[in-house]
Amino acid sequence: WTGARQDMPAVYSAFDLAASTSYGEGFPNVIAEAMACG
């Protein structure tokens, strides 16, 4: 559990995969940000 982070490009880059399990969204930025980081 990391809490809030200021270095999100590095955090996304540290992942191997990203997940979003929401049951309500409009445009989830976190998905697009993770994809922008490959």
Full PDB file with SEQRES, HELIX, SHEET, SSBOND, CRYST1, ORIGX, SCALE, CONECT and MASTER records, all heavy atoms in Angstrom:
SEQRES   1 A   38  TRP THR GLY ALA ARG GLN ASP MET PRO ALA VAL TYR SER          
SEQRES   2 A   38  ALA PHE ASP LEU ALA ALA SER THR SER TYR GLY GLU GLY          
SEQRES   3 A   38  PHE PRO ASN VAL ILE ALA GLU ALA MET ALA CYS GLY              
HELIX    1 AA1 MET A    8  ALA A   14  1                                   7    
HELIX    2 AA2 ASN A   29  ALA A   36  1                                   8    
CRYST1    1.000    1.000    1.000  90.00  90.00  90.00 P 1           1          
ORIGX1      1.000000  0.000000  0.000000        0.00000                         
ORIGX2      0.000000  1.000000  0.000000        0.00000                         
ORIGX3      0.000000  0.000000  1.000000        0.00000                         
SCALE1      1.000000  0.000000  0.000000        0.00000                         
SCALE2      0.000000  1.000000  0.000000        0.00000                         
SCALE3      0.000000  0.000000  1.000000        0.00000                         
ATOM      1  N   TRP A   1       0.878  -1.166   0.000  1.00  0.00           N  
ATOM      2  CA  TRP A   1       0.000   0.000   0.000  1.00  0.00           C  
ATOM      3  C   TRP A   1       0.920   1.222   0.000  1.00  0.00           C  
ATOM      4  O   TRP A   1       1.589   1.511   0.983  1.00  0.00           O  
ATOM      5  CB  TRP A   1      -0.892   0.006   1.231  1.00  0.00           C  
ATOM      6  CG  TRP A   1      -1.820  -1.171   1.325  1.00  0.00           C  
ATOM      7  CD1 TRP A   1      -1.570  -2.355   1.935  1.00  0.00           C  
ATOM      8  CD2 TRP A   1      -3.143  -1.264   0.791  1.00  0.00           C  
ATOM      9  NE1 TRP A   1      -2.650  -3.202   1.822  1.00  0.00           N  
ATOM     10  CE2 TRP A   1      -3.631  -2.557   1.117  1.00  0.00           C  
ATOM     11  CE3 TRP A   1      -3.967  -0.399   0.071  1.00  0.00           C  
ATOM     12  CZ2 TRP A   1      -4.910  -2.985   0.745  1.00  0.00           C  
ATOM     13  CZ3 TRP A   1      -5.225  -0.831  -0.302  1.00  0.00           C  
ATOM     14  CH2 TRP A   1      -5.686  -2.099   0.031  1.00  0.00           C  
ATOM     15  N   THR A   2       0.966   1.946  -1.092  1.00  0.00           N  
ATOM     16  CA  THR A   2       1.984   2.989  -1.238  1.00  0.00           C  
ATOM     17  C   THR A   2       1.513   4.371  -0.797  1.00  0.00           C  
ATOM     18  O   THR A   2       2.336   5.265  -0.605  1.00  0.00           O  
ATOM     19  CB  THR A   2       2.438   3.101  -2.697  1.00  0.00           C  
ATOM     20  OG1 THR A   2       1.430   3.753  -3.468  1.00  0.00           O  
ATOM     21  CG2 THR A   2       2.734   1.717  -3.270  1.00  0.00           C  
ATOM     22  N   GLY A   3       0.199   4.563  -0.643  1.00  0.00           N  
ATOM     23  CA  GLY A   3      -0.313   5.905  -0.457  1.00  0.00           C  
ATOM     24  C   GLY A   3      -0.179   6.698  -1.745  1.00  0.00           C  
ATOM     25  O   GLY A   3       0.092   6.146  -2.812  1.00  0.00           O  
ATOM     26  N   ALA A   4      -0.375   8.005  -1.653  1.00  0.00           N  
ATOM     27  CA  ALA A   4      -0.243   8.864  -2.841  1.00  0.00           C  
ATOM     28  C   ALA A   4       1.224   9.010  -3.211  1.00  0.00           C  
ATOM     29  O   ALA A   4       2.100   9.024  -2.341  1.00  0.00           O  
ATOM     30  CB  ALA A   4      -0.856  10.226  -2.565  1.00  0.00           C  
ATOM     31  N   ARG A   5       1.499   9.112  -4.494  1.00  0.00           N  
ATOM     32  CA  ARG A   5       2.862   9.266  -4.994  1.00  0.00           C  
ATOM     33  C   ARG A   5       2.937  10.476  -5.929  1.00  0.00           C  
ATOM     34  O   ARG A   5       2.004  10.764  -6.673  1.00  0.00           O  
ATOM     35  CB  ARG A   5       3.288   8.020  -5.771  1.00  0.00           C  
ATOM     36  CG  ARG A   5       3.291   6.733  -4.982  1.00  0.00           C  
ATOM     37  CD  ARG A   5       4.506   6.568  -4.119  1.00  0.00           C  
ATOM     38  NE  ARG A   5       5.757   6.585  -4.879  1.00  0.00           N  
ATOM     39  CZ  ARG A   5       6.866   5.989  -4.459  1.00  0.00           C  
ATOM     40  NH1 ARG A   5       6.884   5.332  -3.293  1.00  0.00           N  
ATOM     41  NH2 ARG A   5       7.969   6.057  -5.176  1.00  0.00           N  
ATOM     42  N   GLN A   6       4.070  11.144  -5.896  1.00  0.00           N  
ATOM     43  CA  GLN A   6       4.302  12.273  -6.795  1.00  0.00           C  
ATOM     44  C   GLN A   6       5.001  11.843  -8.080  1.00  0.00           C  
ATOM     45  O   GLN A   6       4.961  12.560  -9.076  1.00  0.00           O  
ATOM     46  CB  GLN A   6       5.169  13.328  -6.086  1.00  0.00           C  
ATOM     47  CG  GLN A   6       4.539  13.913  -4.844  1.00  0.00           C  
ATOM     48  CD  GLN A   6       3.286  14.712  -5.141  1.00  0.00           C  
ATOM     49  OE1 GLN A   6       3.191  15.363  -6.178  1.00  0.00           O  
ATOM     50  NE2 GLN A   6       2.320  14.679  -4.243  1.00  0.00           N  
ATOM     51  N   ASP A   7       5.644  10.672  -8.074  1.00  0.00           N  
ATOM     52  CA  ASP A   7       6.464  10.212  -9.201  1.00  0.00           C  
ATOM     53  C   ASP A   7       5.726   9.169 -10.031  1.00  0.00           C  
ATOM     54  O   ASP A   7       6.230   8.067 -10.266  1.00  0.00           O  
ATOM     55  CB  ASP A   7       7.789   9.651  -8.694  1.00  0.00           C  
ATOM     56  CG  ASP A   7       7.608   8.548  -7.646  1.00  0.00           C  
ATOM     57  OD1 ASP A   7       6.496   8.426  -7.082  1.00  0.00           O  
ATOM     58  OD2 ASP A   7       8.575   7.806  -7.401  1.00  0.00           O  
ATOM     59  N   MET A   8       4.544   9.510 -10.513  1.00  0.00           N  
ATOM     60  CA  MET A   8       3.705   8.504 -11.142  1.00  0.00           C  
ATOM     61  C   MET A   8       4.288   7.891 -12.423  1.00  0.00           C  
ATOM     62  O   MET A   8       4.105   6.695 -12.649  1.00  0.00           O  
ATOM     63  CB  MET A   8       2.318   9.073 -11.412  1.00  0.00           C  
ATOM     64  CG  MET A   8       1.469   9.245 -10.151  1.00  0.00           C  
ATOM     65  SD  MET A   8       1.382   7.747  -9.131  1.00  0.00           S  
ATOM     66  CE  MET A   8       0.679   6.580 -10.284  1.00  0.00           C  
ATOM     67  N   PRO A   9       4.992   8.615 -13.278  1.00  0.00           N  
ATOM     68  CA  PRO A   9       5.595   7.917 -14.427  1.00  0.00           C  
ATOM     69  C   PRO A   9       6.531   6.795 -13.998  1.00  0.00           C  
ATOM     70  O   PRO A   9       6.535   5.720 -14.609  1.00  0.00           O  
ATOM     71  CB  PRO A   9       6.338   9.044 -15.156  1.00  0.00           C  
ATOM     72  CG  PRO A   9       5.565  10.273 -14.811  1.00  0.00           C  
ATOM     73  CD  PRO A   9       5.148  10.082 -13.381  1.00  0.00           C  
ATOM     74  N   ALA A  10       7.305   7.022 -12.943  1.00  0.00           N  
ATOM     75  CA  ALA A  10       8.195   5.975 -12.434  1.00  0.00           C  
ATOM     76  C   ALA A  10       7.392   4.830 -11.833  1.00  0.00           C  
ATOM     77  O   ALA A  10       7.757   3.653 -11.985  1.00  0.00           O  
ATOM     78  CB  ALA A  10       9.147   6.556 -11.390  1.00  0.00           C  
ATOM     79  N   VAL A  11       6.294   5.152 -11.166  1.00  0.00           N  
ATOM     80  CA  VAL A  11       5.449   4.117 -10.557  1.00  0.00           C  
ATOM     81  C   VAL A  11       4.827   3.244 -11.642  1.00  0.00           C  
ATOM     82  O   VAL A  11       4.866   2.006 -11.563  1.00  0.00           O  
ATOM     83  CB  VAL A  11       4.368   4.758  -9.671  1.00  0.00           C  
ATOM     84  CG1 VAL A  11       3.305   3.733  -9.273  1.00  0.00           C  
ATOM     85  CG2 VAL A  11       4.998   5.375  -8.427  1.00  0.00           C  
ATOM     86  N   TYR A  12       4.239   3.865 -12.662  1.00  0.00           N  
ATOM     87  CA  TYR A  12       3.677   3.063 -13.757  1.00  0.00           C  
ATOM     88  C   TYR A  12       4.751   2.212 -14.418  1.00  0.00           C  
ATOM     89  O   TYR A  12       4.513   1.051 -14.780  1.00  0.00           O  
ATOM     90  CB  TYR A  12       3.047   3.980 -14.817  1.00  0.00           C  
ATOM     91  CG  TYR A  12       1.751   4.639 -14.413  1.00  0.00           C  
ATOM     92  CD1 TYR A  12       1.625   6.024 -14.414  1.00  0.00           C  
ATOM     93  CD2 TYR A  12       0.639   3.881 -14.058  1.00  0.00           C  
ATOM     94  CE1 TYR A  12       0.430   6.645 -14.065  1.00  0.00           C  
ATOM     95  CE2 TYR A  12      -0.563   4.493 -13.702  1.00  0.00           C  
ATOM     96  CZ  TYR A  12      -0.661   5.872 -13.710  1.00  0.00           C  
ATOM     97  OH  TYR A  12      -1.839   6.482 -13.359  1.00  0.00           O  
ATOM     98  N   SER A  13       5.939   2.779 -14.590  1.00  0.00           N  
ATOM     99  CA  SER A  13       7.031   2.040 -15.226  1.00  0.00           C  
ATOM    100  C   SER A  13       7.456   0.852 -14.382  1.00  0.00           C  
ATOM    101  O   SER A  13       7.941  -0.162 -14.919  1.00  0.00           O  
ATOM    102  CB  SER A  13       8.223   2.976 -15.465  1.00  0.00           C  
ATOM    103  OG  SER A  13       7.888   4.036 -16.337  1.00  0.00           O  
ATOM    104  N   ALA A  14       7.300   0.950 -13.064  1.00  0.00           N  
ATOM    105  CA  ALA A  14       7.673  -0.155 -12.177  1.00  0.00           C  
ATOM    106  C   ALA A  14       6.725  -1.342 -12.305  1.00  0.00           C  
ATOM    107  O   ALA A  14       7.102  -2.482 -12.013  1.00  0.00           O  
ATOM    108  CB  ALA A  14       7.710   0.331 -10.725  1.00  0.00           C  
ATOM    109  N   PHE A  15       5.492  -1.075 -12.732  1.00  0.00           N  
ATOM    110  CA  PHE A  15       4.530  -2.169 -12.920  1.00  0.00           C  
ATOM    111  C   PHE A  15       4.932  -3.019 -14.127  1.00  0.00           C  
ATOM    112  O   PHE A  15       5.550  -2.538 -15.075  1.00  0.00           O  
ATOM    113  CB  PHE A  15       3.123  -1.628 -13.194  1.00  0.00           C  
ATOM    114  CG  PHE A  15       2.519  -0.792 -12.104  1.00  0.00           C  
ATOM    115  CD1 PHE A  15       1.461   0.069 -12.390  1.00  0.00           C  
ATOM    116  CD2 PHE A  15       2.983  -0.850 -10.802  1.00  0.00           C  
ATOM    117  CE1 PHE A  15       0.880   0.850 -11.407  1.00  0.00           C  
ATOM    118  CE2 PHE A  15       2.407  -0.075  -9.800  1.00  0.00           C  
ATOM    119  CZ  PHE A  15       1.353   0.775 -10.111  1.00  0.00           C  
ATOM    120  N   ASP A  16       4.517  -4.264 -14.098  1.00  0.00           N  
ATOM    121  CA  ASP A  16       4.563  -5.104 -15.293  1.00  0.00           C  
ATOM    122  C   ASP A  16       3.212  -5.092 -16.005  1.00  0.00           C  
ATOM    123  O   ASP A  16       3.150  -5.140 -17.228  1.00  0.00           O  
ATOM    124  CB  ASP A  16       4.956  -6.533 -14.920  1.00  0.00           C  
ATOM    125  CG  ASP A  16       6.374  -6.594 -14.372  1.00  0.00           C  
ATOM    126  OD1 ASP A  16       7.297  -6.159 -15.087  1.00  0.00           O  
ATOM    127  OD2 ASP A  16       6.563  -7.036 -13.227  1.00  0.00           O  
ATOM    128  N   LEU A  17       2.141  -5.026 -15.221  1.00  0.00           N  
ATOM    129  CA  LEU A  17       0.784  -4.899 -15.741  1.00  0.00           C  
ATOM    130  C   LEU A  17       0.026  -3.933 -14.843  1.00  0.00           C  
ATOM    131  O   LEU A  17       0.352  -3.785 -13.653  1.00  0.00           O  
ATOM    132  CB  LEU A  17       0.063  -6.250 -15.755  1.00  0.00           C  
ATOM    133  CG  LEU A  17       0.656  -7.369 -16.619  1.00  0.00           C  
ATOM    134  CD1 LEU A  17      -0.051  -8.684 -16.319  1.00  0.00           C  
ATOM    135  CD2 LEU A  17       0.551  -7.030 -18.098  1.00  0.00           C  
ATOM    136  N   ALA A  18      -0.987  -3.285 -15.396  1.00  0.00           N  
ATOM    137  CA  ALA A  18      -1.845  -2.411 -14.599  1.00  0.00           C  
ATOM    138  C   ALA A  18      -3.270  -2.939 -14.653  1.00  0.00           C  
ATOM    139  O   ALA A  18      -3.681  -3.570 -15.627  1.00  0.00           O  
ATOM    140  CB  ALA A  18      -1.793  -0.981 -15.120  1.00  0.00           C  
ATOM    141  N   ALA A  19      -4.021  -2.669 -13.587  1.00  0.00           N  
ATOM    142  CA  ALA A  19      -5.403  -3.132 -13.507  1.00  0.00           C  
ATOM    143  C   ALA A  19      -6.308  -2.000 -13.044  1.00  0.00           C  
ATOM    144  O   ALA A  19      -5.900  -1.125 -12.281  1.00  0.00           O  
ATOM    145  CB  ALA A  19      -5.524  -4.313 -12.549  1.00  0.00           C  
ATOM    146  N   SER A  20      -7.539  -2.035 -13.541  1.00  0.00           N  
ATOM    147  CA  SER A  20      -8.593  -1.144 -13.053  1.00  0.00           C  
ATOM    148  C   SER A  20      -9.832  -1.998 -12.834  1.00  0.00           C  
ATOM    149  O   SER A  20     -10.348  -2.596 -13.781  1.00  0.00           O  
ATOM    150  CB  SER A  20      -8.888  -0.040 -14.067  1.00  0.00           C  
ATOM    151  OG  SER A  20     -10.023   0.725 -13.668  1.00  0.00           O  
ATOM    152  N   THR A  21     -10.301  -2.063 -11.582  1.00  0.00           N  
ATOM    153  CA  THR A  21     -11.436  -2.926 -11.248  1.00  0.00           C  
ATOM    154  C   THR A  21     -12.675  -2.131 -10.860  1.00  0.00           C  
ATOM    155  O   THR A  21     -13.583  -2.657 -10.224  1.00  0.00           O  
ATOM    156  CB  THR A  21     -11.049  -3.874 -10.102  1.00  0.00           C  
ATOM    157  OG1 THR A  21     -10.542  -3.102  -8.993  1.00  0.00           O  
ATOM    158  CG2 THR A  21      -9.989  -4.871 -10.539  1.00  0.00           C  
ATOM    159  N   SER A  22     -12.742  -0.875 -11.250  1.00  0.00           N  
ATOM    160  CA  SER A  22     -13.867  -0.016 -10.886  1.00  0.00           C  
ATOM    161  C   SER A  22     -15.180  -0.563 -11.423  1.00  0.00           C  
ATOM    162  O   SER A  22     -15.217  -1.241 -12.440  1.00  0.00           O  
ATOM    163  CB  SER A  22     -13.657   1.388 -11.455  1.00  0.00           C  
ATOM    164  OG  SER A  22     -12.520   2.000 -10.908  1.00  0.00           O  
ATOM    165  N   TYR A  23     -16.269  -0.208 -10.728  1.00  0.00           N  
ATOM    166  CA  TYR A  23     -17.588  -0.525 -11.263  1.00  0.00           C  
ATOM    167  C   TYR A  23     -18.312   0.730 -11.749  1.00  0.00           C  
ATOM    168  O   TYR A  23     -19.452   0.664 -12.196  1.00  0.00           O  
ATOM    169  CB  TYR A  23     -18.448  -1.283 -10.255  1.00  0.00           C  
ATOM    170  CG  TYR A  23     -18.686  -0.591  -8.930  1.00  0.00           C  
ATOM    171  CD1 TYR A  23     -19.561   0.476  -8.810  1.00  0.00           C  
ATOM    172  CD2 TYR A  23     -18.048  -1.042  -7.780  1.00  0.00           C  
ATOM    173  CE1 TYR A  23     -19.783   1.097  -7.598  1.00  0.00           C  
ATOM    174  CE2 TYR A  23     -18.276  -0.433  -6.551  1.00  0.00           C  
ATOM    175  CZ  TYR A  23     -19.142   0.625  -6.471  1.00  0.00           C  
ATOM    176  OH  TYR A  23     -19.365   1.239  -5.253  1.00  0.00           O  
ATOM    177  N   GLY A  24     -17.655   1.863 -11.680  1.00  0.00           N  
ATOM    178  CA  GLY A  24     -18.212   3.104 -12.204  1.00  0.00           C  
ATOM    179  C   GLY A  24     -17.088   4.024 -12.637  1.00  0.00           C  
ATOM    180  O   GLY A  24     -16.218   4.359 -11.843  1.00  0.00           O  
ATOM    181  N   GLU A  25     -17.074   4.405 -13.900  1.00  0.00           N  
ATOM    182  CA  GLU A  25     -16.047   5.300 -14.435  1.00  0.00           C  
ATOM    183  C   GLU A  25     -16.637   6.127 -15.565  1.00  0.00           C  
ATOM    184  O   GLU A  25     -17.655   5.757 -16.154  1.00  0.00           O  
ATOM    185  CB  GLU A  25     -14.853   4.509 -14.982  1.00  0.00           C  
ATOM    186  CG  GLU A  25     -13.964   3.851 -13.948  1.00  0.00           C  
ATOM    187  CD  GLU A  25     -13.061   4.826 -13.216  1.00  0.00           C  
ATOM    188  OE1 GLU A  25     -13.100   6.041 -13.532  1.00  0.00           O  
ATOM    189  OE2 GLU A  25     -12.335   4.383 -12.307  1.00  0.00           O  
ATOM    190  N   GLY A  26     -15.993   7.228 -15.871  1.00  0.00           N  
ATOM    191  CA  GLY A  26     -16.238   7.947 -17.101  1.00  0.00           C  
ATOM    192  C   GLY A  26     -15.053   7.687 -18.009  1.00  0.00           C  
ATOM    193  O   GLY A  26     -15.030   6.737 -18.779  1.00  0.00           O  
ATOM    194  N   PHE A  27     -14.038   8.525 -17.876  1.00  0.00           N  
ATOM    195  CA  PHE A  27     -12.764   8.333 -18.570  1.00  0.00           C  
ATOM    196  C   PHE A  27     -11.703   8.149 -17.492  1.00  0.00           C  
ATOM    197  O   PHE A  27     -11.275   9.113 -16.868  1.00  0.00           O  
ATOM    198  CB  PHE A  27     -12.440   9.544 -19.436  1.00  0.00           C  
ATOM    199  CG  PHE A  27     -11.194   9.393 -20.277  1.00  0.00           C  
ATOM    200  CD1 PHE A  27     -11.299   9.253 -21.643  1.00  0.00           C  
ATOM    201  CD2 PHE A  27      -9.930   9.411 -19.705  1.00  0.00           C  
ATOM    202  CE1 PHE A  27     -10.156   9.127 -22.427  1.00  0.00           C  
ATOM    203  CE2 PHE A  27      -8.791   9.280 -20.470  1.00  0.00           C  
ATOM    204  CZ  PHE A  27      -8.896   9.134 -21.835  1.00  0.00           C  
ATOM    205  N   PRO A  28     -11.264   6.913 -17.232  1.00  0.00           N  
ATOM    206  CA  PRO A  28     -10.267   6.693 -16.175  1.00  0.00           C  
ATOM    207  C   PRO A  28      -8.863   7.092 -16.623  1.00  0.00           C  
ATOM    208  O   PRO A  28      -8.224   6.414 -17.436  1.00  0.00           O  
ATOM    209  CB  PRO A  28     -10.363   5.190 -15.914  1.00  0.00           C  
ATOM    210  CG  PRO A  28     -10.918   4.612 -17.167  1.00  0.00           C  
ATOM    211  CD  PRO A  28     -11.779   5.663 -17.796  1.00  0.00           C  
ATOM    212  N   ASN A  29      -8.380   8.207 -16.104  1.00  0.00           N  
ATOM    213  CA  ASN A  29      -7.054   8.695 -16.468  1.00  0.00           C  
ATOM    214  C   ASN A  29      -5.965   7.665 -16.216  1.00  0.00           C  
ATOM    215  O   ASN A  29      -4.991   7.577 -16.974  1.00  0.00           O  
ATOM    216  CB  ASN A  29      -6.718   9.957 -15.669  1.00  0.00           C  
ATOM    217  CG  ASN A  29      -7.432  11.181 -16.167  1.00  0.00           C  
ATOM    218  OD1 ASN A  29      -7.939  11.213 -17.278  1.00  0.00           O  
ATOM    219  ND2 ASN A  29      -7.499  12.196 -15.339  1.00  0.00           N  
ATOM    220  N   VAL A  30      -6.107   6.916 -15.125  1.00  0.00           N  
ATOM    221  CA  VAL A  30      -5.013   6.021 -14.733  1.00  0.00           C  
ATOM    222  C   VAL A  30      -4.736   4.972 -15.803  1.00  0.00           C  
ATOM    223  O   VAL A  30      -3.588   4.537 -15.972  1.00  0.00           O  
ATOM    224  CB  VAL A  30      -5.296   5.357 -13.363  1.00  0.00           C  
ATOM    225  CG1 VAL A  30      -5.345   6.414 -12.272  1.00  0.00           C  
ATOM    226  CG2 VAL A  30      -6.579   4.535 -13.387  1.00  0.00           C  
ATOM    227  N   ILE A  31      -5.761   4.542 -16.511  1.00  0.00           N  
ATOM    228  CA  ILE A  31      -5.558   3.568 -17.586  1.00  0.00           C  
ATOM    229  C   ILE A  31      -4.730   4.205 -18.705  1.00  0.00           C  
ATOM    230  O   ILE A  31      -3.742   3.641 -19.182  1.00  0.00           O  
ATOM    231  CB  ILE A  31      -6.902   3.064 -18.129  1.00  0.00           C  
ATOM    232  CG1 ILE A  31      -7.646   2.268 -17.065  1.00  0.00           C  
ATOM    233  CG2 ILE A  31      -6.690   2.207 -19.379  1.00  0.00           C  
ATOM    234  CD1 ILE A  31      -9.053   1.891 -17.471  1.00  0.00           C  
ATOM    235  N   ALA A  32      -5.141   5.391 -19.131  1.00  0.00           N  
ATOM    236  CA  ALA A  32      -4.430   6.057 -20.217  1.00  0.00           C  
ATOM    237  C   ALA A  32      -3.014   6.429 -19.810  1.00  0.00           C  
ATOM    238  O   ALA A  32      -2.083   6.341 -20.628  1.00  0.00           O  
ATOM    239  CB  ALA A  32      -5.207   7.301 -20.655  1.00  0.00           C  
ATOM    240  N   GLU A  33      -2.816   6.854 -18.563  1.00  0.00           N  
ATOM    241  CA  GLU A  33      -1.470   7.190 -18.097  1.00  0.00           C  
ATOM    242  C   GLU A  33      -0.569   5.960 -18.089  1.00  0.00           C  
ATOM    243  O   GLU A  33       0.595   6.026 -18.504  1.00  0.00           O  
ATOM    244  CB  GLU A  33      -1.544   7.805 -16.702  1.00  0.00           C  
ATOM    245  CG  GLU A  33      -2.146   9.201 -16.681  1.00  0.00           C  
ATOM    246  CD  GLU A  33      -2.431   9.708 -15.282  1.00  0.00           C  
ATOM    247  OE1 GLU A  33      -2.234   8.951 -14.305  1.00  0.00           O  
ATOM    248  OE2 GLU A  33      -2.853  10.866 -15.156  1.00  0.00           O  
ATOM    249  N   ALA A  34      -1.103   4.841 -17.605  1.00  0.00           N  
ATOM    250  CA  ALA A  34      -0.319   3.602 -17.590  1.00  0.00           C  
ATOM    251  C   ALA A  34       0.049   3.187 -19.009  1.00  0.00           C  
ATOM    252  O   ALA A  34       1.192   2.772 -19.275  1.00  0.00           O  
ATOM    253  CB  ALA A  34      -1.099   2.495 -16.890  1.00  0.00           C  
ATOM    254  N   MET A  35      -0.892   3.293 -19.933  1.00  0.00           N  
ATOM    255  CA  MET A  35      -0.618   2.931 -21.323  1.00  0.00           C  
ATOM    256  C   MET A  35       0.422   3.864 -21.937  1.00  0.00           C  
ATOM    257  O   MET A  35       1.270   3.434 -22.726  1.00  0.00           O  
ATOM    258  CB  MET A  35      -1.910   2.943 -22.127  1.00  0.00           C  
ATOM    259  CG  MET A  35      -2.872   1.831 -21.760  1.00  0.00           C  
ATOM    260  SD  MET A  35      -4.470   1.968 -22.617  1.00  0.00           S  
ATOM    261  CE  MET A  35      -3.975   1.763 -24.336  1.00  0.00           C  
ATOM    262  N   ALA A  36       0.355   5.155 -21.596  1.00  0.00           N  
ATOM    263  CA  ALA A  36       1.360   6.092 -22.099  1.00  0.00           C  
ATOM    264  C   ALA A  36       2.759   5.715 -21.635  1.00  0.00           C  
ATOM    265  O   ALA A  36       3.746   6.028 -22.307  1.00  0.00           O  
ATOM    266  CB  ALA A  36       1.016   7.511 -21.651  1.00  0.00           C  
ATOM    267  N   CYS A  37       2.828   5.038 -20.490  1.00  0.00           N  
ATOM    268  CA  CYS A  37       4.106   4.538 -19.972  1.00  0.00           C  
ATOM    269  C   CYS A  37       4.412   3.125 -20.481  1.00  0.00           C  
ATOM    270  O   CYS A  37       5.331   2.463 -19.979  1.00  0.00           O  
ATOM    271  CB  CYS A  37       4.103   4.552 -18.446  1.00  0.00           C  
ATOM    272  SG  CYS A  37       4.022   6.214 -17.735  1.00  0.00           S  
ATOM    273  N   GLY A  38       3.633   2.665 -21.452  1.00  0.00           N  
ATOM    274  CA  GLY A  38       3.902   1.384 -22.077  1.00  0.00           C  
ATOM    275  C   GLY A  38       3.380   0.180 -21.332  1.00  0.00           C  
ATOM    276  O   GLY A  38       3.814  -0.950 -21.588  1.00  0.00           O  
TER     277      GLY A  38                                                      
MASTER        0    0    0    2    0    0    0    6  276    1    0    3          
END                                                                             
